[in-house]
Amino acid sequence: MLSTDPSDRLVLDQKDTIPVALFSELLVIEQMVRNRVSKALPSGMELSHFTVLNHLARMQQEKSPAQLAKAFHVTRGAMSNTLSRLEWAGYVHIRPEWEDARKKLVSISPSGRAARDAAMSAISPIIGDAVEMAGSERVRDVIPVLREMRKGLTED
């Protein structure tokens, strides 16, 4: 559970507003999670590789590189680089779109699904421990708030 030590309570003053405190915590958590998860991933797999494989596994449908770049808020060039590495590893299949061969479609391969599953097994204890520390009910309550904030930030 979370600490009940009064010294851990958030103290707000003129310089430390709620938005600043919230985003400071989110950024520190993001960096810590990124570091721990990256170390736990199978050898040779980068966090960007895992996130693309996880997305494709969850969506269960082909996506264009442009759709993936938009979903991850990265440039098409960055996504193209990630997809090239995933294709080289045999984790994704990239094929021409039948109506317009200039366009491509990406799907997860059976070995990509296995690599994603192995990565999930490796990182699940890290994520589970974090949820357990905070309390699953508290985490469940905050997810809709964080989701709403994310949606608000992604709207153009």
C-alpha atoms as a PDB file:
ATOM      1  CA  MET A   1       0.000   0.000   0.000  1.00  0.00           C
ATOM      2  CA  LEU A   2       0.991   3.637  -0.250  1.00  0.00           C
ATOM      3  CA  SER A   3       2.774   5.336   2.602  1.00  0.00           C
ATOM      4  CA  THR A   4       0.689   7.037   5.253  1.00  0.00           C
ATOM      5  CA  ASP A   5       3.680   9.037   6.489  1.00  0.00           C
ATOM      6  CA  PRO A   6       2.572  12.704   6.779  1.00  0.00           C
ATOM      7  CA  SER A   7       5.916  13.819   5.318  1.00  0.00           C
ATOM      8  CA  ASP A   8       4.936  12.122   2.040  1.00  0.00           C
ATOM      9  CA  ARG A   9       1.819  14.263   1.635  1.00  0.00           C
ATOM     10  CA  LEU A  10       1.787  16.632  -1.281  1.00  0.00           C
ATOM     11  CA  VAL A  11       2.549  20.149  -0.183  1.00  0.00           C
ATOM     12  CA  LEU A  12       1.395  22.800  -2.599  1.00  0.00           C
ATOM     13  CA  ASP A  13       2.721  26.326  -2.545  1.00  0.00           C
ATOM     14  CA  GLN A  14       2.798  29.179  -5.033  1.00  0.00           C
ATOM     15  CA  LYS A  15       5.381  27.440  -7.250  1.00  0.00           C
ATOM     16  CA  ASP A  16       4.060  23.871  -6.992  1.00  0.00           C
ATOM     17  CA  THR A  17       0.543  23.781  -8.368  1.00  0.00           C
ATOM     18  CA  ILE A  18      -1.553  20.660  -8.814  1.00  0.00           C
ATOM     19  CA  PRO A  19      -0.852  20.418 -12.581  1.00  0.00           C
ATOM     20  CA  VAL A  20       2.900  20.822 -12.036  1.00  0.00           C
ATOM     21  CA  ALA A  21       2.894  18.236  -9.231  1.00  0.00           C
ATOM     22  CA  LEU A  22       0.811  15.813 -11.315  1.00  0.00           C
ATOM     23  CA  PHE A  23       2.977  16.036 -14.411  1.00  0.00           C
ATOM     24  CA  SER A  24       6.170  15.870 -12.349  1.00  0.00           C
ATOM     25  CA  GLU A  25       4.969  12.610 -10.817  1.00  0.00           C
ATOM     26  CA  LEU A  26       3.828  11.229 -14.184  1.00  0.00           C
ATOM     27  CA  LEU A  27       7.164  12.045 -15.827  1.00  0.00           C
ATOM     28  CA  VAL A  28       9.196  10.473 -13.019  1.00  0.00           C
ATOM     29  CA  ILE A  29       6.971   7.370 -13.041  1.00  0.00           C
ATOM     30  CA  GLU A  30       7.240   7.128 -16.834  1.00  0.00           C
ATOM     31  CA  GLN A  31      11.046   7.269 -16.661  1.00  0.00           C
ATOM     32  CA  MET A  32      11.236   4.688 -13.888  1.00  0.00           C
ATOM     33  CA  VAL A  33       8.834   2.309 -15.638  1.00  0.00           C
ATOM     34  CA  ARG A  34      10.655   2.772 -18.956  1.00  0.00           C
ATOM     35  CA  ASN A  35      13.991   1.880 -17.322  1.00  0.00           C
ATOM     36  CA  ARG A  36      12.698  -1.166 -15.443  1.00  0.00           C
ATOM     37  CA  VAL A  37      10.645  -2.526 -18.325  1.00  0.00           C
ATOM     38  CA  SER A  38      13.486  -2.003 -20.834  1.00  0.00           C
ATOM     39  CA  LYS A  39      15.830  -4.050 -18.630  1.00  0.00           C
ATOM     40  CA  ALA A  40      13.265  -6.864 -18.308  1.00  0.00           C
ATOM     41  CA  LEU A  41      12.507  -7.207 -22.030  1.00  0.00           C
ATOM     42  CA  PRO A  42      13.968 -10.203 -23.862  1.00  0.00           C
ATOM     43  CA  SER A  43      17.449  -9.714 -25.273  1.00  0.00           C
ATOM     44  CA  GLY A  44      17.460  -7.535 -28.378  1.00  0.00           C
ATOM     45  CA  MET A  45      13.926  -6.220 -27.889  1.00  0.00           C
ATOM     46  CA  GLU A  46      13.554  -2.495 -27.392  1.00  0.00           C
ATOM     47  CA  LEU A  47      10.590  -0.837 -25.724  1.00  0.00           C
ATOM     48  CA  SER A  48       9.473   0.611 -29.070  1.00  0.00           C
ATOM     49  CA  HIS A  49       9.460  -2.900 -30.545  1.00  0.00           C
ATOM     50  CA  PHE A  50       7.381  -4.250 -27.685  1.00  0.00           C
ATOM     51  CA  THR A  51       4.829  -1.433 -27.866  1.00  0.00           C
ATOM     52  CA  VAL A  52       4.278  -1.954 -31.606  1.00  0.00           C
ATOM     53  CA  LEU A  53       3.985  -5.734 -31.197  1.00  0.00           C
ATOM     54  CA  ASN A  54       1.593  -5.281 -28.284  1.00  0.00           C
ATOM     55  CA  HIS A  55      -0.534  -2.842 -30.295  1.00  0.00           C
ATOM     56  CA  LEU A  56      -0.736  -5.181 -33.289  1.00  0.00           C
ATOM     57  CA  ALA A  57      -1.546  -8.154 -31.046  1.00  0.00           C
ATOM     58  CA  ARG A  58      -4.326  -6.257 -29.282  1.00  0.00           C
ATOM     59  CA  MET A  59      -5.838  -4.767 -32.466  1.00  0.00           C
ATOM     60  CA  GLN A  60      -5.787  -8.110 -34.299  1.00  0.00           C
ATOM     61  CA  GLN A  61      -5.833  -6.403 -37.677  1.00  0.00           C
ATOM     62  CA  GLU A  62      -3.365  -5.051 -40.183  1.00  0.00           C
ATOM     63  CA  LYS A  63      -2.308  -1.427 -39.880  1.00  0.00           C
ATOM     64  CA  SER A  64      -0.471   0.841 -42.250  1.00  0.00           C
ATOM     65  CA  PRO A  65       2.853   2.324 -41.131  1.00  0.00           C
ATOM     66  CA  ALA A  66       1.179   5.747 -41.198  1.00  0.00           C
ATOM     67  CA  GLN A  67      -1.599   4.542 -38.887  1.00  0.00           C
ATOM     68  CA  LEU A  68       0.983   3.112 -36.493  1.00  0.00           C
ATOM     69  CA  ALA A  69       3.020   6.330 -36.549  1.00  0.00           C
ATOM     70  CA  LYS A  70      -0.103   8.323 -35.723  1.00  0.00           C
ATOM     71  CA  ALA A  71      -1.116   5.919 -32.943  1.00  0.00           C
ATOM     72  CA  PHE A  72       2.306   6.260 -31.300  1.00  0.00           C
ATOM     73  CA  HIS A  73       2.749   9.967 -32.003  1.00  0.00           C
ATOM     74  CA  VAL A  74       6.032   9.436 -33.832  1.00  0.00           C
ATOM     75  CA  THR A  75       7.229  10.396 -37.288  1.00  0.00           C
ATOM     76  CA  ARG A  76       6.700   8.060 -40.206  1.00  0.00           C
ATOM     77  CA  GLY A  77      10.484   7.755 -40.451  1.00  0.00           C
ATOM     78  CA  ALA A  78      10.775   6.625 -36.839  1.00  0.00           C
ATOM     79  CA  MET A  79       8.001   4.091 -37.334  1.00  0.00           C
ATOM     80  CA  SER A  80       9.565   2.884 -40.583  1.00  0.00           C
ATOM     81  CA  ASN A  81      12.830   2.263 -38.726  1.00  0.00           C
ATOM     82  CA  THR A  82      11.059   0.311 -35.968  1.00  0.00           C
ATOM     83  CA  LEU A  83       9.085  -1.724 -38.488  1.00  0.00           C
ATOM     84  CA  SER A  84      12.239  -2.524 -40.484  1.00  0.00           C
ATOM     85  CA  ARG A  85      13.874  -3.911 -37.341  1.00  0.00           C
ATOM     86  CA  LEU A  86      10.760  -5.900 -36.455  1.00  0.00           C
ATOM     87  CA  GLU A  87      10.544  -7.293 -39.992  1.00  0.00           C
ATOM     88  CA  TRP A  88      14.237  -8.224 -39.946  1.00  0.00           C
ATOM     89  CA  ALA A  89      13.645 -10.106 -36.652  1.00  0.00           C
ATOM     90  CA  GLY A  90      10.679 -11.897 -38.243  1.00  0.00           C
ATOM     91  CA  TYR A  91       8.194 -10.337 -35.794  1.00  0.00           C
ATOM     92  CA  VAL A  92       6.000  -8.598 -38.384  1.00  0.00           C
ATOM     93  CA  HIS A  93       4.890  -9.165 -41.957  1.00  0.00           C
ATOM     94  CA  ILE A  94       4.802  -6.135 -44.237  1.00  0.00           C
ATOM     95  CA  ARG A  95       2.920  -6.526 -47.500  1.00  0.00           C
ATOM     96  CA  PRO A  96       1.687  -4.205 -50.229  1.00  0.00           C
ATOM     97  CA  GLU A  97      -1.896  -3.030 -50.008  1.00  0.00           C
ATOM     98  CA  TRP A  98      -3.745  -4.800 -52.806  1.00  0.00           C
ATOM     99  CA  GLU A  99      -5.622  -1.706 -54.092  1.00  0.00           C
ATOM    100  CA  ASP A 100      -2.525   0.522 -54.068  1.00  0.00           C
ATOM    101  CA  ALA A 101       0.822  -1.288 -54.094  1.00  0.00           C
ATOM    102  CA  ARG A 102       2.600   1.920 -53.063  1.00  0.00           C
ATOM    103  CA  LYS A 103       0.998   1.540 -49.612  1.00  0.00           C
ATOM    104  CA  LYS A 104       1.921  -1.144 -47.125  1.00  0.00           C
ATOM    105  CA  LEU A 105       0.107  -3.074 -44.398  1.00  0.00           C
ATOM    106  CA  VAL A 106       1.714  -4.503 -41.275  1.00  0.00           C
ATOM    107  CA  SER A 107       0.623  -7.537 -39.266  1.00  0.00           C
ATOM    108  CA  ILE A 108       2.178  -9.397 -36.368  1.00  0.00           C
ATOM    109  CA  SER A 109       3.734 -12.765 -37.227  1.00  0.00           C
ATOM    110  CA  PRO A 110       3.455 -15.914 -35.108  1.00  0.00           C
ATOM    111  CA  SER A 111       7.030 -15.369 -33.883  1.00  0.00           C
ATOM    112  CA  GLY A 112       6.162 -11.724 -33.152  1.00  0.00           C
ATOM    113  CA  ARG A 113       3.209 -12.854 -31.069  1.00  0.00           C
ATOM    114  CA  ALA A 114       5.470 -15.294 -29.194  1.00  0.00           C
ATOM    115  CA  ALA A 115       8.053 -12.540 -28.601  1.00  0.00           C
ATOM    116  CA  ARG A 116       5.324 -10.195 -27.379  1.00  0.00           C
ATOM    117  CA  ASP A 117       3.999 -12.903 -25.039  1.00  0.00           C
ATOM    118  CA  ALA A 118       7.515 -13.537 -23.673  1.00  0.00           C
ATOM    119  CA  ALA A 119       7.943  -9.812 -23.091  1.00  0.00           C
ATOM    120  CA  MET A 120       4.578  -9.629 -21.322  1.00  0.00           C
ATOM    121  CA  SER A 121       5.649 -12.468 -19.027  1.00  0.00           C
ATOM    122  CA  ALA A 122       8.875 -10.622 -18.235  1.00  0.00           C
ATOM    123  CA  ILE A 123       7.298  -7.252 -17.482  1.00  0.00           C
ATOM    124  CA  SER A 124       4.081  -8.383 -15.799  1.00  0.00           C
ATOM    125  CA  PRO A 125       5.699  -8.796 -12.362  1.00  0.00           C
ATOM    126  CA  ILE A 126       7.098  -5.256 -12.517  1.00  0.00           C
ATOM    127  CA  ILE A 127       3.728  -3.767 -13.386  1.00  0.00           C
ATOM    128  CA  GLY A 128       1.923  -6.038 -10.934  1.00  0.00           C
ATOM    129  CA  ASP A 129       4.202  -4.981  -8.079  1.00  0.00           C
ATOM    130  CA  ALA A 130       3.571  -1.304  -8.839  1.00  0.00           C
ATOM    131  CA  VAL A 131      -0.209  -1.840  -8.841  1.00  0.00           C
ATOM    132  CA  GLU A 132      -0.019  -3.853  -5.634  1.00  0.00           C
ATOM    133  CA  MET A 133       1.967  -1.098  -3.891  1.00  0.00           C
ATOM    134  CA  ALA A 134      -0.651   1.497  -4.757  1.00  0.00           C
ATOM    135  CA  GLY A 135      -3.627  -0.815  -4.294  1.00  0.00           C
ATOM    136  CA  SER A 136      -5.602  -2.226  -7.203  1.00  0.00           C
ATOM    137  CA  GLU A 137      -8.821  -0.412  -6.246  1.00  0.00           C
ATOM    138  CA  ARG A 138      -7.035   2.945  -6.168  1.00  0.00           C
ATOM    139  CA  VAL A 139      -5.372   2.226  -9.496  1.00  0.00           C
ATOM    140  CA  ARG A 140      -8.708   1.178 -11.008  1.00  0.00           C
ATOM    141  CA  ASP A 141     -10.199   4.492  -9.833  1.00  0.00           C
ATOM    142  CA  VAL A 142      -7.446   6.608 -11.394  1.00  0.00           C
ATOM    143  CA  ILE A 143      -7.396   4.911 -14.818  1.00  0.00           C
ATOM    144  CA  PRO A 144     -10.474   6.757 -16.174  1.00  0.00           C
ATOM    145  CA  VAL A 145      -8.976  10.090 -15.077  1.00  0.00           C
ATOM    146  CA  LEU A 146      -5.658   9.346 -16.768  1.00  0.00           C
ATOM    147  CA  ARG A 147      -7.444   8.082 -19.895  1.00  0.00           C
ATOM    148  CA  GLU A 148      -9.481  11.289 -20.084  1.00  0.00           C
ATOM    149  CA  MET A 149      -6.319  13.377 -19.718  1.00  0.00           C
ATOM    150  CA  ARG A 150      -4.606  11.356 -22.466  1.00  0.00           C
ATOM    151  CA  LYS A 151      -7.540  11.819 -24.808  1.00  0.00           C
ATOM    152  CA  GLY A 152      -7.574  15.537 -24.107  1.00  0.00           C
ATOM    153  CA  LEU A 153      -3.873  15.790 -24.891  1.00  0.00           C
ATOM    154  CA  THR A 154      -4.142  13.825 -28.157  1.00  0.00           C
ATOM    155  CA  GLU A 155      -6.957  15.873 -29.627  1.00  0.00           C
ATOM    156  CA  ASP A 156      -5.641  18.204 -32.318  1.00  0.00           C
END
